[in-house]
All heavy atoms as atom14 arrays in JSON, in Angstrom:
{
  "sequence": "TIRDSKSGKTRYAYFTEATRGMLESLYNGQA",
  "atom14_mask": [
    [1, 1, 1, 1, 1, 1, 1, 0, 0, 0, 0, 0, 0, 0],
    [1, 1, 1, 1, 1, 1, 1, 1, 0, 0, 0, 0, 0, 0],
    [1, 1, 1, 1, 1, 1, 1, 1, 1, 1, 1, 0, 0, 0],
    [1, 1, 1, 1, 1, 1, 1, 1, 0, 0, 0, 0, 0, 0],
    [1, 1, 1, 1, 1, 1, 0, 0, 0, 0, 0, 0, 0, 0],
    [1, 1, 1, 1, 1, 1, 1, 1, 1, 0, 0, 0, 0, 0],
    [1, 1, 1, 1, 1, 1, 0, 0, 0, 0, 0, 0, 0, 0],
    [1, 1, 1, 1, 0, 0, 0, 0, 0, 0, 0, 0, 0, 0],
    [1, 1, 1, 1, 1, 1, 1, 1, 1, 0, 0, 0, 0, 0],
    [1, 1, 1, 1, 1, 1, 1, 0, 0, 0, 0, 0, 0, 0],
    [1, 1, 1, 1, 1, 1, 1, 1, 1, 1, 1, 0, 0, 0],
    [1, 1, 1, 1, 1, 1, 1, 1, 1, 1, 1, 1, 0, 0],
    [1, 1, 1, 1, 1, 0, 0, 0, 0, 0, 0, 0, 0, 0],
    [1, 1, 1, 1, 1, 1, 1, 1, 1, 1, 1, 1, 0, 0],
    [1, 1, 1, 1, 1, 1, 1, 1, 1, 1, 1, 0, 0, 0],
    [1, 1, 1, 1, 1, 1, 1, 0, 0, 0, 0, 0, 0, 0],
    [1, 1, 1, 1, 1, 1, 1, 1, 1, 0, 0, 0, 0, 0],
    [1, 1, 1, 1, 1, 0, 0, 0, 0, 0, 0, 0, 0, 0],
    [1, 1, 1, 1, 1, 1, 1, 0, 0, 0, 0, 0, 0, 0],
    [1, 1, 1, 1, 1, 1, 1, 1, 1, 1, 1, 0, 0, 0],
    [1, 1, 1, 1, 0, 0, 0, 0, 0, 0, 0, 0, 0, 0],
    [1, 1, 1, 1, 1, 1, 1, 1, 0, 0, 0, 0, 0, 0],
    [1, 1, 1, 1, 1, 1, 1, 1, 0, 0, 0, 0, 0, 0],
    [1, 1, 1, 1, 1, 1, 1, 1, 1, 0, 0, 0, 0, 0],
    [1, 1, 1, 1, 1, 1, 0, 0, 0, 0, 0, 0, 0, 0],
    [1, 1, 1, 1, 1, 1, 1, 1, 0, 0, 0, 0, 0, 0],
    [1, 1, 1, 1, 1, 1, 1, 1, 1, 1, 1, 1, 0, 0],
    [1, 1, 1, 1, 1, 1, 1, 1, 0, 0, 0, 0, 0, 0],
    [1, 1, 1, 1, 0, 0, 0, 0, 0, 0, 0, 0, 0, 0],
    [1, 1, 1, 1, 1, 1, 1, 1, 1, 0, 0, 0, 0, 0],
    [1, 1, 1, 1, 1, 0, 0, 0, 0, 0, 0, 0, 0, 0]
  ],
  "atom14_positions": [
    [[-69.14, 217.32, 17.85], [-70.6, 217.39, 17.84], [-71.15, 216.12, 18.48], [-70.87, 215.01, 18.02], [-71.13, 217.51, 16.41], [-70.56, 218.68, 15.79], [-72.65, 217.64, 16.42], [0.0, 0.0, 0.0], [0.0, 0.0, 0.0], [0.0, 0.0, 0.0], [0.0, 0.0, 0.0], [0.0, 0.0, 0.0], [0.0, 0.0, 0.0], [0.0, 0.0, 0.0]],
    [[-71.91, 216.3, 19.54], [-72.48, 215.17, 20.27], [-73.95, 215.08, 19.9], [-74.76, 215.88, 20.33], [-72.31, 215.34, 21.79], [-70.82, 215.52, 22.13], [-72.88, 214.14, 22.54], [-70.57, 215.9, 23.57], [0.0, 0.0, 0.0], [0.0, 0.0, 0.0], [0.0, 0.0, 0.0], [0.0, 0.0, 0.0], [0.0, 0.0, 0.0], [0.0, 0.0, 0.0]],
    [[-74.27, 214.08, 19.07], [-75.64, 213.94, 18.56], [-76.4, 212.9, 19.37], [-75.82, 211.98, 19.92], [-75.61, 213.52, 17.09], [-74.75, 214.42, 16.21], [-74.73, 213.95, 14.77], [-73.67, 214.6, 14.02], [-73.75, 215.81, 13.49], [-74.88, 216.48, 13.63], [-72.74, 216.35, 12.84], [0.0, 0.0, 0.0], [0.0, 0.0, 0.0], [0.0, 0.0, 0.0]],
    [[-77.72, 213.05, 19.39], [-78.59, 212.07, 20.06], [-78.13, 211.79, 21.48], [-77.98, 210.64, 21.89], [-78.63, 210.76, 19.26], [-79.09, 210.97, 17.83], [-80.01, 211.79, 17.64], [-78.54, 210.32, 16.93], [0.0, 0.0, 0.0], [0.0, 0.0, 0.0], [0.0, 0.0, 0.0], [0.0, 0.0, 0.0], [0.0, 0.0, 0.0], [0.0, 0.0, 0.0]],
    [[-77.87, 212.86, 22.22], [-77.43, 212.69, 23.6], [-78.59, 212.23, 24.47], [-79.74, 212.14, 24.02], [-76.87, 214.02, 24.13], [-77.89, 215.0, 24.21], [0.0, 0.0, 0.0], [0.0, 0.0, 0.0], [0.0, 0.0, 0.0], [0.0, 0.0, 0.0], [0.0, 0.0, 0.0], [0.0, 0.0, 0.0], [0.0, 0.0, 0.0], [0.0, 0.0, 0.0]],
    [[-78.31, 211.97, 25.71], [-79.34, 211.47, 26.63], [-80.49, 212.46, 26.78], [-81.64, 212.06, 26.96], [-78.7, 211.19, 28.0], [-79.59, 210.46, 28.98], [-78.82, 210.12, 30.24], [-79.7, 209.37, 31.23], [-78.96, 209.03, 32.47], [0.0, 0.0, 0.0], [0.0, 0.0, 0.0], [0.0, 0.0, 0.0], [0.0, 0.0, 0.0], [0.0, 0.0, 0.0]],
    [[-80.18, 213.75, 26.7], [-81.22, 214.78, 26.83], [-82.02, 214.94, 25.54], [-83.03, 215.65, 25.51], [-80.59, 216.13, 27.19], [-79.79, 216.61, 26.11], [0.0, 0.0, 0.0], [0.0, 0.0, 0.0], [0.0, 0.0, 0.0], [0.0, 0.0, 0.0], [0.0, 0.0, 0.0], [0.0, 0.0, 0.0], [0.0, 0.0, 0.0], [0.0, 0.0, 0.0]],
    [[-81.57, 214.3, 24.46], [-82.26, 214.39, 23.18], [-81.81, 215.57, 22.33], [-82.31, 215.77, 21.24], [0.0, 0.0, 0.0], [0.0, 0.0, 0.0], [0.0, 0.0, 0.0], [0.0, 0.0, 0.0], [0.0, 0.0, 0.0], [0.0, 0.0, 0.0], [0.0, 0.0, 0.0], [0.0, 0.0, 0.0], [0.0, 0.0, 0.0], [0.0, 0.0, 0.0]],
    [[-80.88, 216.36, 22.85], [-80.42, 217.54, 22.12], [-78.98, 217.36, 21.67], [-78.18, 216.67, 22.31], [-80.52, 218.78, 23.01], [-81.94, 219.15, 23.43], [-81.94, 220.38, 24.32], [-83.36, 220.76, 24.73], [-83.37, 221.96, 25.61], [0.0, 0.0, 0.0], [0.0, 0.0, 0.0], [0.0, 0.0, 0.0], [0.0, 0.0, 0.0], [0.0, 0.0, 0.0]],
    [[-78.66, 218.01, 20.57], [-77.27, 218.03, 20.1], [-76.51, 219.1, 20.88], [-77.01, 220.19, 21.11], [-77.21, 218.36, 18.6], [-77.86, 217.31, 17.88], [-75.77, 218.49, 18.12], [0.0, 0.0, 0.0], [0.0, 0.0, 0.0], [0.0, 0.0, 0.0], [0.0, 0.0, 0.0], [0.0, 0.0, 0.0], [0.0, 0.0, 0.0], [0.0, 0.0, 0.0]],
    [[-75.29, 218.75, 21.31], [-74.46, 219.74, 21.99], [-73.03, 219.61, 21.47], [-72.74, 218.74, 20.63], [-74.51, 219.55, 23.52], [-73.77, 218.37, 24.05], [-73.84, 218.35, 25.58], [-72.87, 217.45, 26.18], [-73.04, 216.15, 26.31], [-74.14, 215.58, 25.86], [-72.1, 215.39, 26.87], [0.0, 0.0, 0.0], [0.0, 0.0, 0.0], [0.0, 0.0, 0.0]],
    [[-72.16, 220.47, 21.97], [-70.78, 220.49, 21.48], [-69.81, 220.35, 22.64], [-70.05, 220.84, 23.75], [-70.5, 221.78, 20.72], [-71.4, 221.94, 19.51], [-72.61, 222.64, 19.61], [-71.08, 221.36, 18.29], [-73.46, 222.77, 18.53], [-71.92, 221.49, 17.19], [-73.1, 222.19, 17.32], [-73.94, 222.29, 16.25], [0.0, 0.0, 0.0], [0.0, 0.0, 0.0]],
    [[-68.73, 219.64, 22.37], [-67.62, 219.54, 23.31], [-66.41, 220.2, 22.66], [-66.33, 220.32, 21.43], [-67.32, 218.09, 23.66], [0.0, 0.0, 0.0], [0.0, 0.0, 0.0], [0.0, 0.0, 0.0], [0.0, 0.0, 0.0], [0.0, 0.0, 0.0], [0.0, 0.0, 0.0], [0.0, 0.0, 0.0], [0.0, 0.0, 0.0], [0.0, 0.0, 0.0]],
    [[-65.46, 220.62, 23.47], [-64.34, 221.4, 22.96], [-63.02, 220.74, 23.32], [-62.86, 220.15, 24.39], [-64.42, 222.83, 23.53], [-65.74, 223.48, 23.2], [-66.82, 223.41, 24.09], [-65.94, 224.1, 21.98], [-68.06, 223.96, 23.78], [-67.18, 224.66, 21.66], [-68.22, 224.59, 22.55], [-69.44, 225.13, 22.23], [0.0, 0.0, 0.0], [0.0, 0.0, 0.0]],
    [[-62.08, 220.84, 22.38], [-60.78, 220.19, 22.55], [-59.98, 220.81, 23.69], [-60.06, 222.02, 23.95], [-59.94, 220.34, 21.28], [-60.43, 219.54, 20.11], [-61.6, 218.79, 20.16], [-59.7, 219.54, 18.92], [-62.03, 218.07, 19.08], [-60.13, 218.82, 17.82], [-61.3, 218.09, 17.9], [0.0, 0.0, 0.0], [0.0, 0.0, 0.0], [0.0, 0.0, 0.0]],
    [[-59.22, 219.98, 24.34], [-58.09, 220.45, 25.13], [-56.85, 220.1, 24.3], [-56.94, 219.42, 23.28], [-58.03, 219.75, 26.49], [-57.9, 218.33, 26.28], [-59.29, 220.03, 27.32], [0.0, 0.0, 0.0], [0.0, 0.0, 0.0], [0.0, 0.0, 0.0], [0.0, 0.0, 0.0], [0.0, 0.0, 0.0], [0.0, 0.0, 0.0], [0.0, 0.0, 0.0]],
    [[-55.73, 220.55, 24.73], [-54.51, 220.24, 24.0], [-54.29, 218.74, 23.91], [-53.88, 218.2, 22.87], [-53.32, 220.91, 24.7], [-52.01, 220.77, 23.94], [-50.87, 221.53, 24.61], [-51.15, 222.5, 25.34], [-49.71, 221.14, 24.4], [0.0, 0.0, 0.0], [0.0, 0.0, 0.0], [0.0, 0.0, 0.0], [0.0, 0.0, 0.0], [0.0, 0.0, 0.0]],
    [[-54.6, 218.05, 25.02], [-54.39, 216.6, 25.05], [-55.35, 215.87, 24.12], [-54.96, 214.95, 23.41], [-54.55, 216.09, 26.48], [0.0, 0.0, 0.0], [0.0, 0.0, 0.0], [0.0, 0.0, 0.0], [0.0, 0.0, 0.0], [0.0, 0.0, 0.0], [0.0, 0.0, 0.0], [0.0, 0.0, 0.0], [0.0, 0.0, 0.0], [0.0, 0.0, 0.0]],
    [[-56.64, 216.29, 24.11], [-57.6, 215.59, 23.26], [-57.34, 215.88, 21.79], [-57.54, 215.02, 20.93], [-59.05, 215.98, 23.61], [-59.18, 217.41, 23.56], [-59.42, 215.49, 25.0], [0.0, 0.0, 0.0], [0.0, 0.0, 0.0], [0.0, 0.0, 0.0], [0.0, 0.0, 0.0], [0.0, 0.0, 0.0], [0.0, 0.0, 0.0], [0.0, 0.0, 0.0]],
    [[-56.88, 217.09, 21.5], [-56.56, 217.39, 20.1], [-55.43, 216.49, 19.6], [-55.51, 215.88, 18.53], [-56.16, 218.86, 19.94], [-55.77, 219.19, 18.49], [-55.35, 220.63, 18.28], [-55.01, 220.84, 16.89], [-55.89, 221.1, 15.92], [-57.16, 221.2, 16.22], [-55.51, 221.24, 14.67], [0.0, 0.0, 0.0], [0.0, 0.0, 0.0], [0.0, 0.0, 0.0]],
    [[-54.38, 216.38, 20.4], [-53.26, 215.54, 20.0], [-53.68, 214.09, 19.84], [-53.25, 213.41, 18.89], [0.0, 0.0, 0.0], [0.0, 0.0, 0.0], [0.0, 0.0, 0.0], [0.0, 0.0, 0.0], [0.0, 0.0, 0.0], [0.0, 0.0, 0.0], [0.0, 0.0, 0.0], [0.0, 0.0, 0.0], [0.0, 0.0, 0.0], [0.0, 0.0, 0.0]],
    [[-54.53, 213.62, 20.74], [-54.99, 212.24, 20.68], [-55.81, 212.0, 19.41], [-55.59, 211.01, 18.7], [-55.81, 211.91, 21.93], [-56.38, 210.49, 21.97], [-58.04, 210.4, 21.25], [-58.99, 211.28, 22.5], [0.0, 0.0, 0.0], [0.0, 0.0, 0.0], [0.0, 0.0, 0.0], [0.0, 0.0, 0.0], [0.0, 0.0, 0.0], [0.0, 0.0, 0.0]],
    [[-56.75, 212.89, 19.09], [-57.6, 212.71, 17.92], [-56.8, 212.82, 16.62], [-57.05, 212.08, 15.66], [-58.73, 213.73, 17.94], [-59.8, 213.49, 19.04], [-60.71, 214.7, 19.18], [-60.63, 212.25, 18.71], [0.0, 0.0, 0.0], [0.0, 0.0, 0.0], [0.0, 0.0, 0.0], [0.0, 0.0, 0.0], [0.0, 0.0, 0.0], [0.0, 0.0, 0.0]],
    [[-55.85, 213.74, 16.59], [-55.01, 213.88, 15.39], [-54.2, 212.61, 15.16], [-53.97, 212.2, 14.01], [-54.07, 215.09, 15.54], [-54.79, 216.42, 15.36], [-53.84, 217.61, 15.5], [-52.78, 217.46, 16.16], [-54.15, 218.68, 14.95], [0.0, 0.0, 0.0], [0.0, 0.0, 0.0], [0.0, 0.0, 0.0], [0.0, 0.0, 0.0], [0.0, 0.0, 0.0]],
    [[-53.77, 211.97, 16.24], [-52.99, 210.74, 16.09], [-53.85, 209.58, 15.58], [-53.34, 208.65, 14.95], [-52.35, 210.35, 17.42], [-53.33, 209.93, 18.36], [0.0, 0.0, 0.0], [0.0, 0.0, 0.0], [0.0, 0.0, 0.0], [0.0, 0.0, 0.0], [0.0, 0.0, 0.0], [0.0, 0.0, 0.0], [0.0, 0.0, 0.0], [0.0, 0.0, 0.0]],
    [[-55.16, 209.64, 15.85], [-56.07, 208.58, 15.41], [-56.58, 208.79, 13.99], [-56.92, 207.83, 13.3], [-57.27, 208.48, 16.35], [-57.02, 208.04, 17.79], [-58.33, 208.07, 18.59], [-56.41, 206.65, 17.83], [0.0, 0.0, 0.0], [0.0, 0.0, 0.0], [0.0, 0.0, 0.0], [0.0, 0.0, 0.0], [0.0, 0.0, 0.0], [0.0, 0.0, 0.0]],
    [[-56.63, 210.06, 13.55], [-57.23, 210.35, 12.25], [-56.28, 209.97, 11.12], [-55.12, 210.36, 11.08], [-57.59, 211.82, 12.15], [-58.3, 212.16, 10.86], [-59.54, 211.6, 10.57], [-57.72, 213.02, 9.92], [-60.2, 211.89, 9.39], [-58.38, 213.31, 8.73], [-59.61, 212.75, 8.48], [-60.26, 213.03, 7.29], [0.0, 0.0, 0.0], [0.0, 0.0, 0.0]],
    [[-56.84, 209.2, 10.18], [-56.03, 208.76, 9.04], [-56.88, 208.76, 7.77], [-56.86, 207.84, 6.98], [-55.46, 207.36, 9.31], [-54.43, 206.96, 8.27], [-53.73, 207.79, 7.69], [-54.31, 205.65, 8.03], [0.0, 0.0, 0.0], [0.0, 0.0, 0.0], [0.0, 0.0, 0.0], [0.0, 0.0, 0.0], [0.0, 0.0, 0.0], [0.0, 0.0, 0.0]],
    [[-57.65, 209.86, 7.62], [-58.47, 209.98, 6.42], [-59.72, 209.12, 6.42], [-60.28, 208.82, 5.36], [0.0, 0.0, 0.0], [0.0, 0.0, 0.0], [0.0, 0.0, 0.0], [0.0, 0.0, 0.0], [0.0, 0.0, 0.0], [0.0, 0.0, 0.0], [0.0, 0.0, 0.0], [0.0, 0.0, 0.0], [0.0, 0.0, 0.0], [0.0, 0.0, 0.0]],
    [[-60.19, 208.72, 7.59], [-61.4, 207.89, 7.66], [-62.61, 208.64, 7.12], [-62.67, 209.86, 7.16], [-61.68, 207.44, 9.1], [-60.66, 206.48, 9.67], [-59.56, 207.2, 10.44], [-59.2, 208.32, 10.1], [-59.03, 206.56, 11.46], [0.0, 0.0, 0.0], [0.0, 0.0, 0.0], [0.0, 0.0, 0.0], [0.0, 0.0, 0.0], [0.0, 0.0, 0.0]],
    [[-63.59, 207.88, 6.61], [-64.83, 208.47, 6.09], [-65.61, 209.11, 7.24], [-65.5, 208.68, 8.38], [-65.67, 207.4, 5.41], [0.0, 0.0, 0.0], [0.0, 0.0, 0.0], [0.0, 0.0, 0.0], [0.0, 0.0, 0.0], [0.0, 0.0, 0.0], [0.0, 0.0, 0.0], [0.0, 0.0, 0.0], [0.0, 0.0, 0.0], [0.0, 0.0, 0.0]]
  ]
}
């Protein structure tokens, strides 16, 4: 979820296989 974008609207971005793997490797139960 991309909030407060330059256009002022919220929009969504979608995972690729590479971005999913990267984000899963970074996630460690953060708030």
